[in-house]
Amino acid sequence: MKIGGSGDAPKIRKFYQKATIAQVSGQSLWEVHLDSNVLKTTAKRDLNLPTRSLAQAVAYEWNVQEEHVIPSTMPVTQLVFTGIDNFGDEIDIIRDETAKYGETDLLCYRVSEPMALGALQDEGWQPLLDWAAKQLDAPLTVTRGIMAVDQPAQSLFALRRPLDRLDILHITALRTLVGATGSLVLALAVYFGRLSPDEAVELATLEERFQLETWGPDEDLEGSLEGKREDARSAGTILAALSRRD
């Protein structure tokens, strides 16, 4: 069964009663069952998950479906499927693409006007750059405006180093966080427990929220912000579940 389309995709009538989890025979891996059938990915690959917690998170999304299976309401499942199906054979490419965000990290590009927004960026972002410099050995250069600034090669190498240790599910979650925030530093801060996913998005969207406070409600902008929160929370759920070896 295919899952992973947009919210406008045709509805799929629910074809099972209950989702459960089970340990893969003889392995420290977990699978999800829809009634008596083992759940596969969209590409029909084995869904062998490394922790019970992640299997439970996937099964929960299947269990809360009602008359129809609606992929857009199953973000953890979709991310897991995407990682296994789309990234599994290209993990080094995904690592490279994710690491490249360090070259133009959002936290390094601040405004000079309006001064109030610039002050918010300094207050919110500098502690994270200080953390990256101290904990990751990756000091980065800050600029005002949109002109590109070259970052120290050694710092970019240091930001890349944690990615080389990540398996496909971890890198899928981290890549999602980078996409939601525009910042490799913020994504790594979530990975290392320095920030929650919500905190990372709040910092990443200082300018958008400043606009809302200044100019009033904007349905499109508010929808974009909520989409980023949902993406970051789903990625955070996967990272948290992967860290629990229960």
C-alpha atoms as a PDB file:
ATOM      1  CA  MET A   1       0.000   0.000   0.000  1.00  0.00           C
ATOM      2  CA  LYS A   2       1.343   3.410  -0.916  1.00  0.00           C
ATOM      3  CA  ILE A   3       1.629   6.155   1.654  1.00  0.00           C
ATOM      4  CA  GLY A   4       3.485   9.416   1.482  1.00  0.00           C
ATOM      5  CA  GLY A   5       1.431  11.532  -0.899  1.00  0.00           C
ATOM      6  CA  SER A   6       0.142  15.018  -0.193  1.00  0.00           C
ATOM      7  CA  GLY A   7      -2.974  15.840   1.765  1.00  0.00           C
ATOM      8  CA  ASP A   8      -4.809  16.188  -1.572  1.00  0.00           C
ATOM      9  CA  ALA A   9      -4.122  12.558  -2.518  1.00  0.00           C
ATOM     10  CA  PRO A  10      -7.123  10.204  -2.816  1.00  0.00           C
ATOM     11  CA  LYS A  11      -8.267   8.801   0.499  1.00  0.00           C
ATOM     12  CA  ILE A  12      -7.431   5.185   1.243  1.00  0.00           C
ATOM     13  CA  ARG A  13     -10.134   3.288   3.079  1.00  0.00           C
ATOM     14  CA  LYS A  14      -8.800   1.803   6.296  1.00  0.00           C
ATOM     15  CA  PHE A  15      -8.151  -1.885   5.689  1.00  0.00           C
ATOM     16  CA  TYR A  16      -7.030  -3.086   9.138  1.00  0.00           C
ATOM     17  CA  GLN A  17      -8.333  -3.076  12.686  1.00  0.00           C
ATOM     18  CA  LYS A  18      -5.242  -2.479  14.792  1.00  0.00           C
ATOM     19  CA  ALA A  19      -1.550  -1.691  14.517  1.00  0.00           C
ATOM     20  CA  THR A  20       0.782  -3.527  16.891  1.00  0.00           C
ATOM     21  CA  ILE A  21       4.525  -3.906  17.221  1.00  0.00           C
ATOM     22  CA  ALA A  22       6.714  -6.986  17.523  1.00  0.00           C
ATOM     23  CA  GLN A  23      10.403  -7.681  17.832  1.00  0.00           C
ATOM     24  CA  VAL A  24      12.027  -9.111  14.729  1.00  0.00           C
ATOM     25  CA  SER A  25      12.914 -12.723  15.434  1.00  0.00           C
ATOM     26  CA  GLY A  26      16.486 -13.069  16.653  1.00  0.00           C
ATOM     27  CA  GLN A  27      17.291  -9.368  16.195  1.00  0.00           C
ATOM     28  CA  SER A  28      17.274  -6.159  18.225  1.00  0.00           C
ATOM     29  CA  LEU A  29      14.872  -4.618  15.729  1.00  0.00           C
ATOM     30  CA  TRP A  30      11.159  -3.876  15.760  1.00  0.00           C
ATOM     31  CA  GLU A  31       8.441  -4.089  13.140  1.00  0.00           C
ATOM     32  CA  VAL A  32       4.854  -2.855  12.897  1.00  0.00           C
ATOM     33  CA  HIS A  33       1.949  -5.188  12.151  1.00  0.00           C
ATOM     34  CA  LEU A  34      -1.371  -4.133  10.663  1.00  0.00           C
ATOM     35  CA  ASP A  35      -3.472  -6.966  12.021  1.00  0.00           C
ATOM     36  CA  SER A  36      -1.487 -10.018  10.850  1.00  0.00           C
ATOM     37  CA  ASN A  37       0.398  -8.225   8.056  1.00  0.00           C
ATOM     38  CA  VAL A  38       3.874  -6.769   8.477  1.00  0.00           C
ATOM     39  CA  LEU A  39       3.980  -3.107   7.453  1.00  0.00           C
ATOM     40  CA  LYS A  40       6.360  -2.340   4.591  1.00  0.00           C
ATOM     41  CA  THR A  41       7.547   1.002   3.267  1.00  0.00           C
ATOM     42  CA  THR A  42       6.061   2.616   0.175  1.00  0.00           C
ATOM     43  CA  ALA A  43       8.757   0.915  -1.913  1.00  0.00           C
ATOM     44  CA  LYS A  44       7.973  -2.408  -0.204  1.00  0.00           C
ATOM     45  CA  ARG A  45      11.181  -2.385   1.804  1.00  0.00           C
ATOM     46  CA  ASP A  46      11.404  -3.964   5.236  1.00  0.00           C
ATOM     47  CA  LEU A  47      10.489  -1.576   8.040  1.00  0.00           C
ATOM     48  CA  ASN A  48      12.950  -2.815  10.646  1.00  0.00           C
ATOM     49  CA  LEU A  49      13.170  -0.112  13.302  1.00  0.00           C
ATOM     50  CA  PRO A  50      16.029   0.087  15.817  1.00  0.00           C
ATOM     51  CA  THR A  51      13.970   0.950  18.915  1.00  0.00           C
ATOM     52  CA  ARG A  52      10.691  -0.082  20.435  1.00  0.00           C
ATOM     53  CA  SER A  53       9.824   3.587  20.956  1.00  0.00           C
ATOM     54  CA  LEU A  54      10.075   4.422  17.266  1.00  0.00           C
ATOM     55  CA  ALA A  55       7.961   1.396  16.340  1.00  0.00           C
ATOM     56  CA  GLN A  56       5.370   2.558  18.875  1.00  0.00           C
ATOM     57  CA  ALA A  57       5.374   6.066  17.395  1.00  0.00           C
ATOM     58  CA  VAL A  58       4.706   4.670  13.912  1.00  0.00           C
ATOM     59  CA  ALA A  59       2.040   2.255  15.170  1.00  0.00           C
ATOM     60  CA  TYR A  60       0.306   5.070  17.057  1.00  0.00           C
ATOM     61  CA  GLU A  61      -0.179   7.035  13.837  1.00  0.00           C
ATOM     62  CA  TRP A  62      -1.767   4.029  12.171  1.00  0.00           C
ATOM     63  CA  ASN A  63      -3.995   3.382  15.176  1.00  0.00           C
ATOM     64  CA  VAL A  64      -5.467   6.893  15.254  1.00  0.00           C
ATOM     65  CA  GLN A  65      -6.644   6.653  11.651  1.00  0.00           C
ATOM     66  CA  GLU A  66     -10.413   6.350  11.452  1.00  0.00           C
ATOM     67  CA  GLU A  67     -12.386   5.380   8.346  1.00  0.00           C
ATOM     68  CA  HIS A  68      -9.595   6.363   5.963  1.00  0.00           C
ATOM     69  CA  VAL A  69      -5.808   6.312   6.065  1.00  0.00           C
ATOM     70  CA  ILE A  70      -4.680   9.922   5.548  1.00  0.00           C
ATOM     71  CA  PRO A  71      -0.915  10.148   4.934  1.00  0.00           C
ATOM     72  CA  SER A  72      -0.734  13.855   5.785  1.00  0.00           C
ATOM     73  CA  THR A  73      -1.737  13.004   9.368  1.00  0.00           C
ATOM     74  CA  MET A  74       1.114  10.502   9.709  1.00  0.00           C
ATOM     75  CA  PRO A  75       4.266  12.650   9.656  1.00  0.00           C
ATOM     76  CA  VAL A  76       6.527  10.263  11.577  1.00  0.00           C
ATOM     77  CA  THR A  77       5.589   7.372   9.298  1.00  0.00           C
ATOM     78  CA  GLN A  78       6.168   9.523   6.235  1.00  0.00           C
ATOM     79  CA  LEU A  79       9.600  10.652   7.406  1.00  0.00           C
ATOM     80  CA  VAL A  80      10.664   7.108   8.251  1.00  0.00           C
ATOM     81  CA  PHE A  81       9.462   5.848   4.866  1.00  0.00           C
ATOM     82  CA  THR A  82      11.211   8.733   3.087  1.00  0.00           C
ATOM     83  CA  GLY A  83      14.483   7.987   4.821  1.00  0.00           C
ATOM     84  CA  ILE A  84      14.446   4.271   4.078  1.00  0.00           C
ATOM     85  CA  ASP A  85      13.100   4.520   0.521  1.00  0.00           C
ATOM     86  CA  ASN A  86      14.681   7.719  -0.781  1.00  0.00           C
ATOM     87  CA  PHE A  87      17.798   8.320   1.286  1.00  0.00           C
ATOM     88  CA  GLY A  88      18.985   4.834   2.198  1.00  0.00           C
ATOM     89  CA  ASP A  89      21.017   4.323  -0.983  1.00  0.00           C
ATOM     90  CA  GLU A  90      22.371   7.891  -1.014  1.00  0.00           C
ATOM     91  CA  ILE A  91      23.228   8.567   2.605  1.00  0.00           C
ATOM     92  CA  ASP A  92      26.574  10.225   1.792  1.00  0.00           C
ATOM     93  CA  ILE A  93      24.857  12.602  -0.632  1.00  0.00           C
ATOM     94  CA  ILE A  94      22.264  13.454   2.026  1.00  0.00           C
ATOM     95  CA  ARG A  95      25.026  14.104   4.543  1.00  0.00           C
ATOM     96  CA  ASP A  96      26.772  16.417   2.057  1.00  0.00           C
ATOM     97  CA  GLU A  97      23.575  18.336   1.272  1.00  0.00           C
ATOM     98  CA  THR A  98      22.773  18.722   4.964  1.00  0.00           C
ATOM     99  CA  ALA A  99      26.289  19.832   5.872  1.00  0.00           C
ATOM    100  CA  LYS A 100      26.244  22.472   3.120  1.00  0.00           C
ATOM    101  CA  TYR A 101      23.727  24.508   5.132  1.00  0.00           C
ATOM    102  CA  GLY A 102      26.591  25.377   7.470  1.00  0.00           C
ATOM    103  CA  GLU A 103      28.090  27.548   4.734  1.00  0.00           C
ATOM    104  CA  THR A 104      25.090  29.921   4.822  1.00  0.00           C
ATOM    105  CA  ASP A 105      23.675  29.207   8.263  1.00  0.00           C
ATOM    106  CA  LEU A 106      20.699  31.420   9.100  1.00  0.00           C
ATOM    107  CA  LEU A 107      22.174  32.431  12.455  1.00  0.00           C
ATOM    108  CA  CYS A 108      25.066  34.161  10.723  1.00  0.00           C
ATOM    109  CA  TYR A 109      22.900  36.539   8.665  1.00  0.00           C
ATOM    110  CA  ARG A 110      21.306  39.333  10.666  1.00  0.00           C
ATOM    111  CA  VAL A 111      19.550  42.537   9.780  1.00  0.00           C
ATOM    112  CA  SER A 112      20.755  46.054  10.467  1.00  0.00           C
ATOM    113  CA  GLU A 113      17.249  47.474  10.077  1.00  0.00           C
ATOM    114  CA  PRO A 114      14.876  47.459  11.807  1.00  0.00           C
ATOM    115  CA  MET A 115      17.121  47.692  14.836  1.00  0.00           C
ATOM    116  CA  ALA A 116      14.530  45.995  17.060  1.00  0.00           C
ATOM    117  CA  LEU A 117      14.631  42.858  14.920  1.00  0.00           C
ATOM    118  CA  GLY A 118      18.418  42.923  14.788  1.00  0.00           C
ATOM    119  CA  ALA A 119      18.506  43.074  18.577  1.00  0.00           C
ATOM    120  CA  LEU A 120      16.173  40.074  18.807  1.00  0.00           C
ATOM    121  CA  GLN A 121      18.424  38.120  16.459  1.00  0.00           C
ATOM    122  CA  ASP A 122      21.521  39.011  18.455  1.00  0.00           C
ATOM    123  CA  GLU A 123      19.865  38.023  21.706  1.00  0.00           C
ATOM    124  CA  GLY A 124      18.396  34.779  20.424  1.00  0.00           C
ATOM    125  CA  TRP A 125      21.016  33.575  17.977  1.00  0.00           C
ATOM    126  CA  GLN A 126      24.373  34.489  19.477  1.00  0.00           C
ATOM    127  CA  PRO A 127      24.088  32.024  22.397  1.00  0.00           C
ATOM    128  CA  LEU A 128      23.661  29.215  19.865  1.00  0.00           C
ATOM    129  CA  LEU A 129      26.704  30.300  17.880  1.00  0.00           C
ATOM    130  CA  ASP A 130      28.639  30.513  21.153  1.00  0.00           C
ATOM    131  CA  TRP A 131      27.474  26.970  21.929  1.00  0.00           C
ATOM    132  CA  ALA A 132      28.592  25.748  18.489  1.00  0.00           C
ATOM    133  CA  ALA A 133      31.997  27.372  18.955  1.00  0.00           C
ATOM    134  CA  LYS A 134      32.493  25.835  22.390  1.00  0.00           C
ATOM    135  CA  GLN A 135      30.820  22.434  22.108  1.00  0.00           C
ATOM    136  CA  LEU A 136      31.343  21.651  18.427  1.00  0.00           C
ATOM    137  CA  ASP A 137      34.591  23.565  17.891  1.00  0.00           C
ATOM    138  CA  ALA A 138      32.873  25.465  15.073  1.00  0.00           C
ATOM    139  CA  PRO A 139      33.131  29.255  15.422  1.00  0.00           C
ATOM    140  CA  LEU A 140      31.218  31.007  12.641  1.00  0.00           C
ATOM    141  CA  THR A 141      31.406  34.518  11.220  1.00  0.00           C
ATOM    142  CA  VAL A 142      28.381  36.818  11.563  1.00  0.00           C
ATOM    143  CA  THR A 143      27.397  39.484   9.058  1.00  0.00           C
ATOM    144  CA  ARG A 144      24.662  42.084   8.653  1.00  0.00           C
ATOM    145  CA  GLY A 145      22.652  41.861   5.473  1.00  0.00           C
ATOM    146  CA  ILE A 146      22.472  39.286   2.693  1.00  0.00           C
ATOM    147  CA  MET A 147      25.977  39.447   1.225  1.00  0.00           C
ATOM    148  CA  ALA A 148      27.585  36.023   1.507  1.00  0.00           C
ATOM    149  CA  VAL A 149      30.353  35.548   4.048  1.00  0.00           C
ATOM    150  CA  ASP A 150      32.926  32.787   3.861  1.00  0.00           C
ATOM    151  CA  GLN A 151      33.012  30.548   6.912  1.00  0.00           C
ATOM    152  CA  PRO A 152      36.233  29.019   8.265  1.00  0.00           C
ATOM    153  CA  ALA A 153      36.889  25.691   6.568  1.00  0.00           C
ATOM    154  CA  GLN A 154      37.801  24.109   9.892  1.00  0.00           C
ATOM    155  CA  SER A 155      34.443  25.158  11.358  1.00  0.00           C
ATOM    156  CA  LEU A 156      32.531  23.684   8.418  1.00  0.00           C
ATOM    157  CA  PHE A 157      34.481  20.464   8.846  1.00  0.00           C
ATOM    158  CA  ALA A 158      33.595  20.429  12.550  1.00  0.00           C
ATOM    159  CA  LEU A 159      29.890  20.913  11.786  1.00  0.00           C
ATOM    160  CA  ARG A 160      30.053  18.049   9.284  1.00  0.00           C
ATOM    161  CA  ARG A 161      31.750  15.674  11.714  1.00  0.00           C
ATOM    162  CA  PRO A 162      28.611  14.686  13.712  1.00  0.00           C
ATOM    163  CA  LEU A 163      26.741  13.893  10.480  1.00  0.00           C
ATOM    164  CA  ASP A 164      29.249  11.209   9.529  1.00  0.00           C
ATOM    165  CA  ARG A 165      28.178   9.155  12.544  1.00  0.00           C
ATOM    166  CA  LEU A 166      24.451   9.253  11.788  1.00  0.00           C
ATOM    167  CA  ASP A 167      22.482   6.377  10.320  1.00  0.00           C
ATOM    168  CA  ILE A 168      19.726   6.929   7.787  1.00  0.00           C
ATOM    169  CA  LEU A 169      16.912   7.600  10.266  1.00  0.00           C
ATOM    170  CA  HIS A 170      18.955  10.090  12.287  1.00  0.00           C
ATOM    171  CA  ILE A 171      20.112  11.956   9.181  1.00  0.00           C
ATOM    172  CA  THR A 172      16.553  12.027   7.821  1.00  0.00           C
ATOM    173  CA  ALA A 173      15.349  13.676  11.024  1.00  0.00           C
ATOM    174  CA  LEU A 174      18.270  16.101  11.094  1.00  0.00           C
ATOM    175  CA  ARG A 175      17.778  17.032   7.451  1.00  0.00           C
ATOM    176  CA  THR A 176      14.122  17.751   8.202  1.00  0.00           C
ATOM    177  CA  LEU A 177      15.119  20.036  11.071  1.00  0.00           C
ATOM    178  CA  VAL A 178      17.576  21.857   8.827  1.00  0.00           C
ATOM    179  CA  GLY A 179      14.837  22.345   6.241  1.00  0.00           C
ATOM    180  CA  ALA A 180      12.426  23.681   8.850  1.00  0.00           C
ATOM    181  CA  THR A 181      14.933  26.125  10.343  1.00  0.00           C
ATOM    182  CA  GLY A 182      17.438  26.970   7.611  1.00  0.00           C
ATOM    183  CA  SER A 183      20.162  26.353  10.160  1.00  0.00           C
ATOM    184  CA  LEU A 184      22.514  23.435  10.652  1.00  0.00           C
ATOM    185  CA  VAL A 185      23.488  24.877  14.036  1.00  0.00           C
ATOM    186  CA  LEU A 186      19.861  24.875  15.244  1.00  0.00           C
ATOM    187  CA  ALA A 187      19.329  21.345  13.942  1.00  0.00           C
ATOM    188  CA  LEU A 188      22.441  20.094  15.732  1.00  0.00           C
ATOM    189  CA  ALA A 189      21.332  21.900  18.889  1.00  0.00           C
ATOM    190  CA  VAL A 190      18.147  19.822  18.823  1.00  0.00           C
ATOM    191  CA  TYR A 191      20.092  16.637  18.110  1.00  0.00           C
ATOM    192  CA  PHE A 192      22.418  17.235  21.066  1.00  0.00           C
ATOM    193  CA  GLY A 193      19.577  18.270  23.392  1.00  0.00           C
ATOM    194  CA  ARG A 194      20.470  21.959  23.598  1.00  0.00           C
ATOM    195  CA  LEU A 195      17.059  22.976  22.183  1.00  0.00           C
ATOM    196  CA  SER A 196      13.625  21.459  21.745  1.00  0.00           C
ATOM    197  CA  PRO A 197      12.200  21.326  18.206  1.00  0.00           C
ATOM    198  CA  ASP A 198       9.728  24.098  19.069  1.00  0.00           C
ATOM    199  CA  GLU A 199      12.505  26.288  20.472  1.00  0.00           C
ATOM    200  CA  ALA A 200      14.558  25.805  17.316  1.00  0.00           C
ATOM    201  CA  VAL A 201      11.660  26.890  15.092  1.00  0.00           C
ATOM    202  CA  GLU A 202      10.898  29.867  17.320  1.00  0.00           C
ATOM    203  CA  LEU A 203      14.488  31.054  16.919  1.00  0.00           C
ATOM    204  CA  ALA A 204      14.512  30.354  13.195  1.00  0.00           C
ATOM    205  CA  THR A 205      11.354  32.379  12.596  1.00  0.00           C
ATOM    206  CA  LEU A 206      12.151  35.525  14.545  1.00  0.00           C
ATOM    207  CA  GLU A 207      11.715  37.655  11.437  1.00  0.00           C
ATOM    208  CA  GLU A 208       8.375  36.110  10.466  1.00  0.00           C
ATOM    209  CA  ARG A 209       6.976  36.493  13.955  1.00  0.00           C
ATOM    210  CA  PHE A 210       8.298  40.055  14.116  1.00  0.00           C
ATOM    211  CA  GLN A 211       6.346  40.789  10.930  1.00  0.00           C
ATOM    212  CA  LEU A 212       3.179  39.334  12.430  1.00  0.00           C
ATOM    213  CA  GLU A 213       3.559  41.423  15.559  1.00  0.00           C
ATOM    214  CA  THR A 214       4.249  44.551  13.500  1.00  0.00           C
ATOM    215  CA  TRP A 215       1.712  44.190  10.700  1.00  0.00           C
ATOM    216  CA  GLY A 216      -0.920  41.902  12.157  1.00  0.00           C
ATOM    217  CA  PRO A 217      -2.301  38.490  11.126  1.00  0.00           C
ATOM    218  CA  ASP A 218      -1.242  36.918   7.833  1.00  0.00           C
ATOM    219  CA  GLU A 219      -2.892  33.593   7.065  1.00  0.00           C
ATOM    220  CA  ASP A 220      -0.231  32.408   4.618  1.00  0.00           C
ATOM    221  CA  LEU A 221       2.636  33.302   6.925  1.00  0.00           C
ATOM    222  CA  GLU A 222       0.962  31.720   9.926  1.00  0.00           C
ATOM    223  CA  GLY A 223       0.344  28.557   7.901  1.00  0.00           C
ATOM    224  CA  SER A 224       4.006  28.441   6.904  1.00  0.00           C
ATOM    225  CA  LEU A 225       5.079  28.798  10.528  1.00  0.00           C
ATOM    226  CA  GLU A 226       2.797  25.973  11.629  1.00  0.00           C
ATOM    227  CA  GLY A 227       4.128  23.742   8.858  1.00  0.00           C
ATOM    228  CA  LYS A 228       7.671  24.319  10.066  1.00  0.00           C
ATOM    229  CA  ARG A 229       6.642  23.506  13.630  1.00  0.00           C
ATOM    230  CA  GLU A 230       4.993  20.275  12.535  1.00  0.00           C
ATOM    231  CA  ASP A 231       8.040  19.208  10.520  1.00  0.00           C
ATOM    232  CA  ALA A 232      10.379  19.959  13.407  1.00  0.00           C
ATOM    233  CA  ARG A 233       8.196  18.150  15.929  1.00  0.00           C
ATOM    234  CA  SER A 234       8.034  15.043  13.743  1.00  0.00           C
ATOM    235  CA  ALA A 235      11.801  15.042  13.372  1.00  0.00           C
ATOM    236  CA  GLY A 236      12.147  15.570  17.116  1.00  0.00           C
ATOM    237  CA  THR A 237       9.847  12.624  17.794  1.00  0.00           C
ATOM    238  CA  ILE A 238      12.076  10.393  15.681  1.00  0.00           C
ATOM    239  CA  LEU A 239      15.270  11.596  17.383  1.00  0.00           C
ATOM    240  CA  ALA A 240      13.769  11.111  20.837  1.00  0.00           C
ATOM    241  CA  ALA A 241      12.472   7.655  19.953  1.00  0.00           C
ATOM    242  CA  LEU A 242      15.843   6.614  18.530  1.00  0.00           C
ATOM    243  CA  SER A 243      17.566   7.661  21.743  1.00  0.00           C
ATOM    244  CA  ARG A 244      15.406   5.382  23.904  1.00  0.00           C
ATOM    245  CA  ARG A 245      16.765   1.854  23.824  1.00  0.00           C
ATOM    246  CA  ASP A 246      13.868   0.273  25.721  1.00  0.00           C
END
